[in-house]
């Protein structure tokens, strides 16, 4: 009877545990993106400022460094909460597989402390270190930030494709090889995808803030530089991200065919499977979708007649929620395609005129790109995590069997919700205060062409 009570408590806890984990991951991943990409964008701006003797670039880098410190502090809080949640909410996962996939979290802890140390050195090194030493002090910060992302994503990739161990006759883990587990088939595709997403989110988001300012009449040189520099980073990586998406699609097709079937609402195993855009999955078929003939087979096999496995290959209780995964996938691809068009627009204009478009429509597109990049990234994580369900370790451990049976998980969810609400409000408040403060150097005259009176354009160099 006691055992049955434990199982009942675990089943009751599954929903609040999932909600808490989704909230924590969805909030933290945005700040993690800034922790990965913002340091490099800031340091490149500072380096160019030193090389050119440009006070505007140096002032901009200094402002961004302060914002970077604020975002790092907020991300450190959410990351700490996540580390506790892994053990509190999912003891079944840590107890059974901790010796296999816990190793990346240990290494991530070292990376975090190195990053924190050098974030402090960089922030407090202005005017205390030589320009060369100050720029070089940022290198460990940049490297450790990307290393931390690698270790965390490697752990998640292992959950999608568990390797590096054997199970004995009783289902216990034996012959654990943490290094081999960390470099499974999904590791590099997911890591590269995440790193590029971080630069897209950071670049487009920072540029969108300045685009709004330009639309409101802020056309001093520093404001335009604040738009152009992060937008250049984001636009440069966006086409690469599209190619990496194809790499990931092939990895998923090889190792998680059920997830791929859910992404496309593909019920029957089919040769020459179509690519479904939009629509709603019901009773084993996609309704109202725009279908591209042979598109899915061509995407995952580079063969229009390639065979794509369908949801029918597994029992119903081993299928993820198809509509959630499919709509999230379409959202990610749709917004990613829109951002690619924006990147092409930027590249075409720069190639022809050596400056970005200054039309209000372009500025509006950039202003919307930050939200679009964040939503696309969040949708991608929904595909990754929800598409693996009902497994927390794909094919080996169900999420329902890993959740804690302890009472009161709903209280934990509401507590975390309150913490993130307060933390978000404080972060936005401090960033707005930082943005409202005057710069450290006087703005220079606009050196661009004057606005076109007929189109309302302002050139962006």
Protein backbone atom coordinates (compact mmCIF):
# COMPACT_ATOMS: atom_id res chain seq x y z
CA UNK A 1 0.00 0.00 0.00
CA UNK A 2 2.81 2.38 0.86
CA UNK A 3 4.38 1.71 -2.53
CA UNK A 4 1.09 2.49 -4.26
CA UNK A 5 0.82 5.75 -2.30
CA UNK A 6 4.29 6.75 -3.48
CA UNK A 7 3.35 6.05 -7.09
CA UNK A 8 0.16 8.07 -6.70
CA UNK A 9 2.08 11.01 -5.22
CA UNK A 10 4.60 10.87 -8.06
CA UNK A 11 1.83 10.89 -10.68
CA UNK A 12 0.21 13.89 -8.97
CA UNK A 13 3.56 15.71 -8.89
CA UNK A 14 4.36 15.24 -12.57
CA UNK A 15 2.48 18.29 -13.84
CA UNK A 16 3.77 20.85 -11.27
CA UNK A 17 7.32 19.49 -11.66
CA UNK A 18 7.12 19.88 -15.42
CA UNK A 19 5.66 23.37 -15.09
CA UNK A 20 8.39 24.45 -12.69
CA UNK A 21 11.14 23.03 -14.86
CA UNK A 22 9.68 24.60 -18.01
CA UNK A 23 9.43 27.99 -16.30
CA UNK A 24 12.97 27.80 -14.95
CA UNK A 25 14.54 26.61 -18.20
CA UNK A 26 12.53 28.99 -20.37
CA UNK A 27 13.54 31.97 -18.21
CA UNK A 28 17.17 31.00 -17.71
CA UNK A 29 17.90 30.18 -21.34
CA UNK A 30 17.35 33.81 -22.38
CA UNK A 31 19.91 35.05 -19.85
CA UNK A 32 22.24 32.21 -20.79
CA UNK A 33 22.19 33.49 -24.38
CA UNK A 34 23.40 36.89 -23.23
CA UNK A 35 26.05 35.24 -21.05
CA UNK A 36 27.36 33.36 -24.10
CA UNK A 37 27.28 36.07 -26.77
CA UNK A 38 27.21 39.50 -25.16
CA UNK A 39 30.82 39.37 -23.86
CA UNK A 40 32.29 38.83 -27.35
CA UNK A 41 30.12 41.56 -28.90
CA UNK A 42 31.17 43.94 -26.13
CA UNK A 43 34.87 43.12 -26.32
CA UNK A 44 35.00 43.40 -30.11
CA UNK A 45 33.41 46.85 -29.78
CA UNK A 46 35.98 47.86 -27.17
CA UNK A 47 38.87 46.50 -29.26
CA UNK A 48 37.76 48.46 -32.32
CA UNK A 49 37.39 51.54 -30.17
CA UNK A 50 40.98 51.25 -28.95
CA UNK A 51 42.33 50.62 -32.46
CA UNK A 52 40.51 53.61 -33.90
CA UNK A 53 40.79 55.87 -30.90
CA UNK A 54 37.00 56.15 -31.08
CA UNK A 55 35.47 57.47 -27.86
CA UNK A 56 31.95 56.58 -29.02
CA UNK A 57 32.80 52.90 -29.48
CA UNK A 58 34.56 52.80 -26.10
CA UNK A 59 31.61 54.49 -24.40
CA UNK A 60 29.22 52.05 -26.01
CA UNK A 61 31.34 49.07 -24.92
CA UNK A 62 31.45 50.42 -21.38
CA UNK A 63 27.66 50.74 -21.25
CA UNK A 64 27.24 47.23 -22.63
CA UNK A 65 29.70 45.89 -20.05
CA UNK A 66 27.49 47.23 -17.26
CA UNK A 67 24.41 45.68 -18.86
CA UNK A 68 26.33 42.43 -19.27
CA UNK A 69 27.12 42.40 -15.54
CA UNK A 70 23.46 42.93 -14.64
CA UNK A 71 22.32 40.12 -16.94
CA UNK A 72 25.06 37.81 -15.66
CA UNK A 73 23.91 38.34 -12.07
CA UNK A 74 20.29 37.58 -12.98
CA UNK A 75 21.34 34.49 -14.92
CA UNK A 76 23.46 33.28 -12.00
CA UNK A 77 20.38 33.33 -9.75
CA UNK A 78 18.25 31.34 -12.20
CA UNK A 79 21.08 28.91 -12.90
CA UNK A 80 21.51 28.23 -9.19
CA UNK A 81 17.80 27.51 -8.84
CA UNK A 82 17.99 25.09 -11.77
CA UNK A 83 20.86 23.16 -10.21
CA UNK A 84 18.76 22.55 -7.09
CA UNK A 85 15.67 21.68 -9.11
CA UNK A 86 17.44 18.85 -10.93
CA UNK A 87 17.92 16.99 -7.67
CA UNK A 88 14.72 18.05 -5.91
CA UNK A 89 12.26 17.48 -8.74
CA UNK A 90 13.86 14.52 -10.53
CA UNK A 91 15.53 12.22 -7.98
CA UNK A 92 14.75 9.16 -10.09
CA UNK A 93 16.90 10.55 -12.90
CA UNK A 94 19.83 11.54 -10.72
CA UNK A 95 19.73 8.35 -8.65
CA UNK A 96 19.81 6.01 -11.63
CA UNK A 97 21.92 7.89 -14.17
CA UNK A 98 23.75 10.54 -12.16
CA UNK A 99 27.11 8.78 -12.42
CA UNK A 100 26.83 8.80 -16.21
CA UNK A 101 25.57 12.23 -17.10
CA UNK A 102 26.33 14.23 -13.94
CA UNK A 103 29.93 14.82 -15.01
CA UNK A 104 29.14 17.73 -17.41
CA UNK A 105 27.41 19.56 -14.56
CA UNK A 106 30.58 19.31 -12.48
CA UNK A 107 32.62 20.79 -15.32
CA UNK A 108 29.98 23.47 -15.86
CA UNK A 109 30.43 24.50 -12.23
CA UNK A 110 34.15 25.10 -12.82
CA UNK A 111 33.37 27.03 -16.01
CA UNK A 112 30.85 29.18 -14.16
CA UNK A 113 33.30 30.14 -11.41
CA UNK A 114 36.00 31.02 -13.95
CA UNK A 115 33.50 33.11 -15.86
CA UNK A 116 32.32 34.86 -12.69
CA UNK A 117 35.89 35.73 -11.70
CA UNK A 118 36.75 37.26 -15.04
CA UNK A 119 33.42 39.05 -15.36
CA UNK A 120 34.48 40.83 -12.17
CA UNK A 121 37.96 41.51 -13.52
CA UNK A 122 36.54 42.91 -16.75
CA UNK A 123 33.88 45.07 -15.08
CA UNK A 124 36.23 46.57 -12.51
CA UNK A 125 39.25 46.71 -14.80
CA UNK A 126 38.13 49.77 -16.73
CA UNK A 127 40.66 52.56 -16.07
CA UNK A 128 42.70 50.18 -13.89
CA UNK A 129 44.25 47.99 -16.60
CA UNK A 130 45.97 48.91 -19.83
CA UNK A 131 43.72 48.65 -22.91
CA UNK A 132 45.52 45.48 -24.06
CA UNK A 133 45.31 43.84 -20.62
CA UNK A 134 41.66 44.78 -20.26
CA UNK A 135 40.71 43.25 -23.60
CA UNK A 136 42.75 40.11 -22.87
CA UNK A 137 41.09 39.76 -19.45
CA UNK A 138 37.83 39.12 -21.31
CA UNK A 139 39.16 36.07 -23.16
CA UNK A 140 38.71 33.62 -20.21
CA UNK A 141 35.24 35.09 -19.65
CA UNK A 142 34.25 34.45 -23.27
CA UNK A 143 35.78 30.96 -23.42
CA UNK A 144 34.35 29.82 -20.07
CA UNK A 145 30.89 31.12 -21.02
CA UNK A 146 30.87 29.04 -24.18
CA UNK A 147 32.36 26.06 -22.31
CA UNK A 148 29.59 26.23 -19.72
CA UNK A 149 27.02 26.19 -22.51
CA UNK A 150 28.76 23.18 -24.05
CA UNK A 151 28.64 21.17 -20.82
CA UNK A 152 24.96 21.88 -20.10
CA UNK A 153 23.84 21.19 -23.67
CA UNK A 154 25.97 18.03 -23.74
CA UNK A 155 24.02 16.76 -20.72
CA UNK A 156 20.76 17.51 -22.48
CA UNK A 157 22.01 15.84 -25.66
CA UNK A 158 22.77 12.73 -23.60
CA UNK A 159 19.15 12.66 -22.40
CA UNK A 160 18.09 12.63 -26.06
CA UNK A 161 20.61 9.94 -27.07
CA UNK A 162 21.94 8.12 -23.97
CA UNK A 163 25.36 6.50 -24.46
CA UNK A 164 28.45 5.72 -22.40
CA UNK A 165 27.16 2.90 -20.16
CA UNK A 166 25.61 -0.56 -20.09
CA UNK A 167 22.60 -1.94 -18.20
CA UNK A 168 22.88 -5.23 -16.35
CA UNK A 169 20.13 -7.85 -16.16
CA UNK A 170 18.38 -5.89 -13.40
CA UNK A 171 18.46 -2.65 -15.37
CA UNK A 172 21.20 -1.08 -13.26
CA UNK A 173 23.87 1.12 -14.80
CA UNK A 174 27.28 -0.54 -15.14
CA UNK A 175 30.50 0.37 -16.91
CA UNK A 176 29.74 4.10 -16.80
CA UNK A 177 31.94 6.17 -19.12
CA UNK A 178 31.16 9.86 -18.48
CA UNK A 179 33.52 11.15 -21.18
CA UNK A 180 31.93 8.95 -23.83
CA UNK A 181 28.46 9.94 -22.59
CA UNK A 182 29.31 13.62 -22.99
CA UNK A 183 30.16 13.19 -26.68
CA UNK A 184 27.13 11.32 -27.99
CA UNK A 185 25.62 11.65 -31.47
CA UNK A 186 23.48 14.69 -30.57
CA UNK A 187 26.11 16.66 -28.69
CA UNK A 188 27.80 18.66 -31.42
CA UNK A 189 24.64 19.45 -33.44
CA UNK A 190 22.85 20.68 -30.31
CA UNK A 191 25.86 22.62 -29.01
CA UNK A 192 26.50 24.43 -32.29
CA UNK A 193 22.78 25.11 -32.69
CA UNK A 194 22.64 26.61 -29.17
CA UNK A 195 25.74 28.77 -29.59
CA UNK A 196 24.47 30.24 -32.85
CA UNK A 197 21.04 30.77 -31.30
CA UNK A 198 22.73 32.71 -28.48
CA UNK A 199 24.31 35.12 -30.96
CA UNK A 200 21.03 35.50 -32.81
CA UNK A 201 19.06 36.20 -29.63
CA UNK A 202 21.65 38.61 -28.23
CA UNK A 203 22.42 40.38 -31.50
CA UNK A 204 18.84 40.84 -32.64
CA UNK A 205 17.59 41.78 -29.15
CA UNK A 206 20.24 44.45 -28.54
CA UNK A 207 19.79 45.80 -32.08
CA UNK A 208 16.02 45.90 -31.62
CA UNK A 209 16.37 48.17 -28.58
CA UNK A 210 18.40 50.67 -30.59
CA UNK A 211 16.08 50.35 -33.59
CA UNK A 212 13.19 51.46 -31.40
CA UNK A 213 15.31 54.41 -30.29
CA UNK A 214 16.06 55.40 -33.89
CA UNK A 215 12.37 55.17 -34.75
CA UNK A 216 11.71 57.58 -31.87
CA UNK A 217 14.24 60.06 -33.19
CA UNK A 218 17.46 58.99 -31.46
CA UNK A 219 19.90 59.36 -34.36
CA UNK A 220 23.16 60.26 -32.69
CA UNK A 221 26.17 58.22 -33.80
CA UNK A 222 26.42 56.06 -30.69
CA UNK A 223 22.81 55.00 -31.05
CA UNK A 224 23.38 53.98 -34.65
CA UNK A 225 26.51 52.05 -33.70
CA UNK A 226 24.48 50.28 -31.03
CA UNK A 227 22.14 49.10 -33.76
CA UNK A 228 24.68 48.18 -36.44
CA UNK A 229 27.25 46.21 -34.40
CA UNK A 230 24.99 43.58 -32.74
CA UNK A 231 22.87 43.35 -35.89
CA UNK A 232 26.02 42.49 -37.87
CA UNK A 233 26.78 39.60 -35.49
CA UNK A 234 23.22 38.26 -35.67
CA UNK A 235 22.93 38.63 -39.44
CA UNK A 236 26.26 36.84 -39.96
CA UNK A 237 25.31 33.72 -37.98
CA UNK A 238 21.70 33.41 -39.15
CA UNK A 239 22.44 31.73 -42.53
CA UNK A 240 24.83 29.35 -40.77
CA UNK A 241 22.08 28.48 -38.29
CA UNK A 242 19.79 27.42 -41.13
CA UNK A 243 22.46 24.95 -42.31
CA UNK A 244 22.93 23.63 -38.78
CA UNK A 245 19.16 23.09 -38.63
CA UNK A 246 19.51 20.62 -41.50
CA UNK A 247 22.29 18.85 -39.56
CA UNK A 248 20.03 18.55 -36.52
CA UNK A 249 17.12 17.26 -38.62
CA UNK A 250 19.29 14.43 -39.91
CA UNK A 251 20.52 13.62 -36.38
CA UNK A 252 16.95 13.48 -35.08
CA UNK A 253 15.87 11.29 -38.01
CA UNK A 254 18.66 8.82 -37.23
CA UNK A 255 18.31 8.73 -33.44
CA UNK A 256 14.81 9.95 -32.50
CA UNK A 257 12.48 9.10 -35.39
CA UNK A 258 9.38 9.47 -33.19
CA UNK A 259 10.32 13.06 -32.39
CA UNK A 260 10.73 13.77 -36.10
CA UNK A 261 7.34 12.20 -36.82
CA UNK A 262 5.76 14.44 -34.16
CA UNK A 263 7.49 17.52 -35.59
CA UNK A 264 5.73 16.85 -38.91
CA UNK A 265 2.58 15.10 -37.70
CA UNK A 266 3.60 12.03 -39.71
CA UNK A 267 1.50 9.05 -38.60
CA UNK A 268 2.27 6.47 -41.28
CA UNK A 269 5.73 5.28 -42.27
CA UNK A 270 6.04 6.71 -45.75
CA UNK A 271 8.43 6.78 -48.68
CA UNK A 272 8.47 10.24 -50.23
CA UNK A 273 6.93 11.84 -47.11
CA UNK A 274 5.60 15.39 -47.53
CA UNK A 275 6.68 18.38 -45.47
CA UNK A 276 3.68 19.74 -43.52
CA UNK A 277 3.45 23.45 -42.77
CA UNK A 278 0.80 24.50 -40.28
CA UNK A 279 -2.27 22.38 -39.74
CA UNK A 280 -3.59 20.42 -36.79
CA UNK A 281 -2.96 16.74 -35.99
CA UNK A 282 -6.10 14.72 -35.27
CA UNK A 283 -6.99 11.03 -35.56
CA UNK A 284 -3.72 10.06 -37.21
CA UNK A 285 -3.61 12.75 -39.89
CA UNK A 286 -2.67 16.38 -40.40
CA UNK A 287 -5.69 18.55 -41.14
CA UNK A 288 -5.44 21.88 -42.91
CA UNK A 289 -1.67 21.72 -43.45
CA UNK A 290 0.14 23.04 -46.50
CA UNK A 291 2.06 20.02 -47.79
CA UNK A 292 5.21 20.14 -49.88
CA UNK A 293 5.36 16.81 -51.77
CA UNK A 294 8.40 14.68 -50.86
CA UNK A 295 9.71 17.62 -48.79
CA UNK A 296 10.33 15.74 -45.53
CA UNK A 297 12.12 12.85 -47.24
CA UNK A 298 14.26 15.32 -49.14
CA UNK A 299 15.05 17.24 -45.94
CA UNK A 300 16.13 14.31 -43.78
CA UNK A 301 17.50 11.89 -46.37
CA UNK A 302 18.40 14.24 -49.24
CA UNK A 303 16.37 11.78 -51.29
CA UNK A 304 12.80 12.58 -52.42
CA UNK A 305 11.89 8.89 -52.08
CA UNK A 306 13.52 8.36 -48.66
CA UNK A 307 11.51 6.44 -46.05
CA UNK A 308 10.39 8.41 -42.98
CA UNK A 309 9.18 6.45 -39.97
CA UNK A 310 5.78 7.45 -38.60
CA UNK A 311 4.15 7.61 -35.18
CA UNK A 312 2.50 4.26 -35.87
CA UNK A 313 5.85 2.58 -35.18
CA UNK A 314 5.45 3.04 -31.39
CA UNK A 315 2.53 2.49 -28.99
CA UNK A 316 0.32 5.51 -28.23
CA UNK A 317 1.75 5.87 -24.71
CA UNK A 318 5.23 6.38 -26.17
CA UNK A 319 4.28 9.26 -28.46
CA UNK A 320 4.84 12.92 -27.56
CA UNK A 321 2.01 15.48 -27.72
CA UNK A 322 2.06 15.94 -31.48
CA UNK A 323 0.36 19.32 -31.82
CA UNK A 324 2.62 20.98 -29.24
CA UNK A 325 5.76 19.70 -30.96
CA UNK A 326 4.52 20.39 -34.50
CA UNK A 327 3.37 23.96 -33.81
CA UNK A 328 6.54 24.75 -31.88
CA UNK A 329 8.63 23.41 -34.76
CA UNK A 330 6.68 25.46 -37.32
CA UNK A 331 7.07 28.55 -35.13
CA UNK A 332 10.82 28.07 -34.88
CA UNK A 333 11.26 27.48 -38.61
CA UNK A 334 8.91 30.29 -39.61
CA UNK A 335 10.54 32.91 -37.40
CA UNK A 336 14.01 31.64 -38.32
CA UNK A 337 13.15 32.04 -42.00
CA UNK A 338 11.91 35.58 -41.38
CA UNK A 339 15.15 36.43 -39.58
CA UNK A 340 17.09 34.94 -42.49
CA UNK A 341 15.26 37.29 -44.86
CA UNK A 342 16.20 40.20 -42.60
CA UNK A 343 19.83 39.06 -42.62
CA UNK A 344 19.79 38.83 -46.42
CA UNK A 345 18.28 42.32 -46.59
CA UNK A 346 21.12 43.61 -44.39
CA UNK A 347 23.80 41.81 -46.41
CA UNK A 348 22.43 42.94 -49.78
CA UNK A 349 22.24 46.57 -48.72
CA UNK A 350 25.74 46.49 -47.22
CA UNK A 351 27.21 44.82 -50.31
CA UNK A 352 25.67 47.42 -52.64
CA UNK A 353 26.03 50.62 -50.60
CA UNK A 354 28.29 49.83 -47.64
CA UNK A 355 25.52 50.85 -45.27
CA UNK A 356 22.32 49.38 -43.88
CA UNK A 357 18.88 50.43 -45.08
CA UNK A 358 17.49 53.35 -43.17
CA UNK A 359 13.82 53.05 -44.09
CA UNK A 360 11.25 52.91 -41.32
CA UNK A 361 10.13 49.49 -42.54
CA UNK A 362 13.65 48.16 -42.08
CA UNK A 363 13.86 49.70 -38.61
CA UNK A 364 10.49 48.20 -37.71
CA UNK A 365 11.71 44.78 -38.85
CA UNK A 366 14.83 45.10 -36.70
CA UNK A 367 12.71 46.32 -33.77
CA UNK A 368 10.61 43.13 -34.04
CA UNK A 369 13.61 40.84 -34.57
CA UNK A 370 14.56 40.65 -30.89
CA UNK A 371 11.22 39.21 -29.81
CA UNK A 372 11.18 36.95 -32.89
CA UNK A 373 14.62 35.53 -32.05
CA UNK A 374 13.67 34.83 -28.42
CA UNK A 375 10.39 33.15 -29.40
CA UNK A 376 12.14 31.05 -32.06
CA UNK A 377 14.74 29.92 -29.54
CA UNK A 378 12.11 29.05 -26.92
CA UNK A 379 10.10 27.15 -29.54
CA UNK A 380 13.21 25.18 -30.44
CA UNK A 381 13.65 24.10 -26.83
CA UNK A 382 10.00 23.06 -26.69
CA UNK A 383 10.66 20.81 -29.69
CA UNK A 384 13.76 19.38 -28.04
CA UNK A 385 12.23 18.72 -24.63
CA UNK A 386 8.57 17.98 -25.34
CA UNK A 387 9.49 15.97 -28.43
CA UNK A 388 11.41 13.55 -26.19
CA UNK A 389 8.37 12.80 -24.03
CA UNK A 390 7.26 10.58 -22.38
CA UNK A 391 10.95 9.87 -21.76
CA UNK A 392 13.31 11.88 -19.63
CA UNK A 393 16.11 9.56 -20.80
CA UNK A 394 15.08 8.56 -24.29
CA UNK A 395 13.86 4.98 -24.45
CA UNK A 396 15.08 4.10 -20.94
CA UNK A 397 13.43 6.18 -18.20
CA UNK A 398 10.00 7.77 -18.30
CA UNK A 399 9.55 11.26 -16.94
CA UNK A 400 6.77 10.00 -14.67
CA UNK A 401 9.18 7.50 -13.11
CA UNK A 402 11.83 10.15 -12.40
CA UNK A 403 9.68 12.76 -10.62
CA UNK A 404 9.83 13.24 -6.87
CA UNK A 405 6.94 11.79 -4.80
CA UNK A 406 7.46 14.40 -2.07
CA UNK A 407 4.40 16.54 -1.26
CA UNK A 408 4.13 20.25 -1.92
CA UNK A 409 5.60 20.61 -5.39
CA UNK A 410 2.87 23.08 -6.31
CA UNK A 411 4.17 25.35 -3.55
CA UNK A 412 7.62 25.11 -5.11
CA UNK A 413 6.24 26.13 -8.49
CA UNK A 414 4.48 29.19 -7.07
CA UNK A 415 7.60 30.10 -5.10
CA UNK A 416 9.78 29.93 -8.20
CA UNK A 417 7.18 31.93 -10.15
CA UNK A 418 7.33 34.66 -7.51
CA UNK A 419 11.14 34.70 -7.56
CA UNK A 420 11.28 35.03 -11.35
CA UNK A 421 8.60 37.72 -11.37
CA UNK A 422 10.56 39.83 -8.89
CA UNK A 423 13.86 39.11 -10.62
CA UNK A 424 12.46 40.09 -14.01
CA UNK A 425 11.03 43.34 -12.66
CA UNK A 426 14.31 44.25 -10.94
CA UNK A 427 16.40 43.39 -14.02
CA UNK A 428 14.21 45.48 -16.33
CA UNK A 429 14.22 48.36 -13.84
CA UNK A 430 18.01 48.39 -13.48
CA UNK A 431 18.57 48.11 -17.25
CA UNK A 432 16.17 50.98 -17.89
CA UNK A 433 17.99 53.09 -15.30
CA UNK A 434 21.27 52.27 -17.02
CA UNK A 435 19.84 53.21 -20.43
CA UNK A 436 18.54 56.54 -19.10
CA UNK A 437 21.92 57.64 -17.76
CA UNK A 438 24.00 59.90 -19.97
CA UNK A 439 26.99 58.38 -21.74
CA UNK A 440 30.57 58.74 -20.66
CA UNK A 441 31.48 60.75 -23.73
CA UNK A 442 29.73 63.48 -25.61
CA UNK A 443 27.74 62.43 -28.69
CA UNK A 444 29.18 63.45 -32.00
CA UNK A 445 27.35 64.92 -34.94
CA UNK A 446 25.51 62.52 -37.23
CA UNK A 447 27.75 61.79 -40.19
CA UNK A 448 25.12 60.00 -42.24
CA UNK A 449 23.11 61.41 -45.05
CA UNK A 450 20.14 63.54 -43.95
CA UNK A 451 16.71 61.92 -43.74
CA UNK A 452 14.86 61.57 -47.01
CA UNK A 453 11.86 63.85 -46.64
CA UNK A 454 9.78 61.71 -48.92
CA UNK A 455 10.44 58.32 -47.32
CA UNK A 456 11.42 59.16 -43.75
CA UNK A 457 14.72 57.31 -44.18
CA UNK A 458 17.94 57.76 -42.27
CA UNK A 459 21.09 56.03 -43.46
CA UNK A 460 22.74 53.61 -41.02
CA UNK A 461 26.48 53.29 -41.40
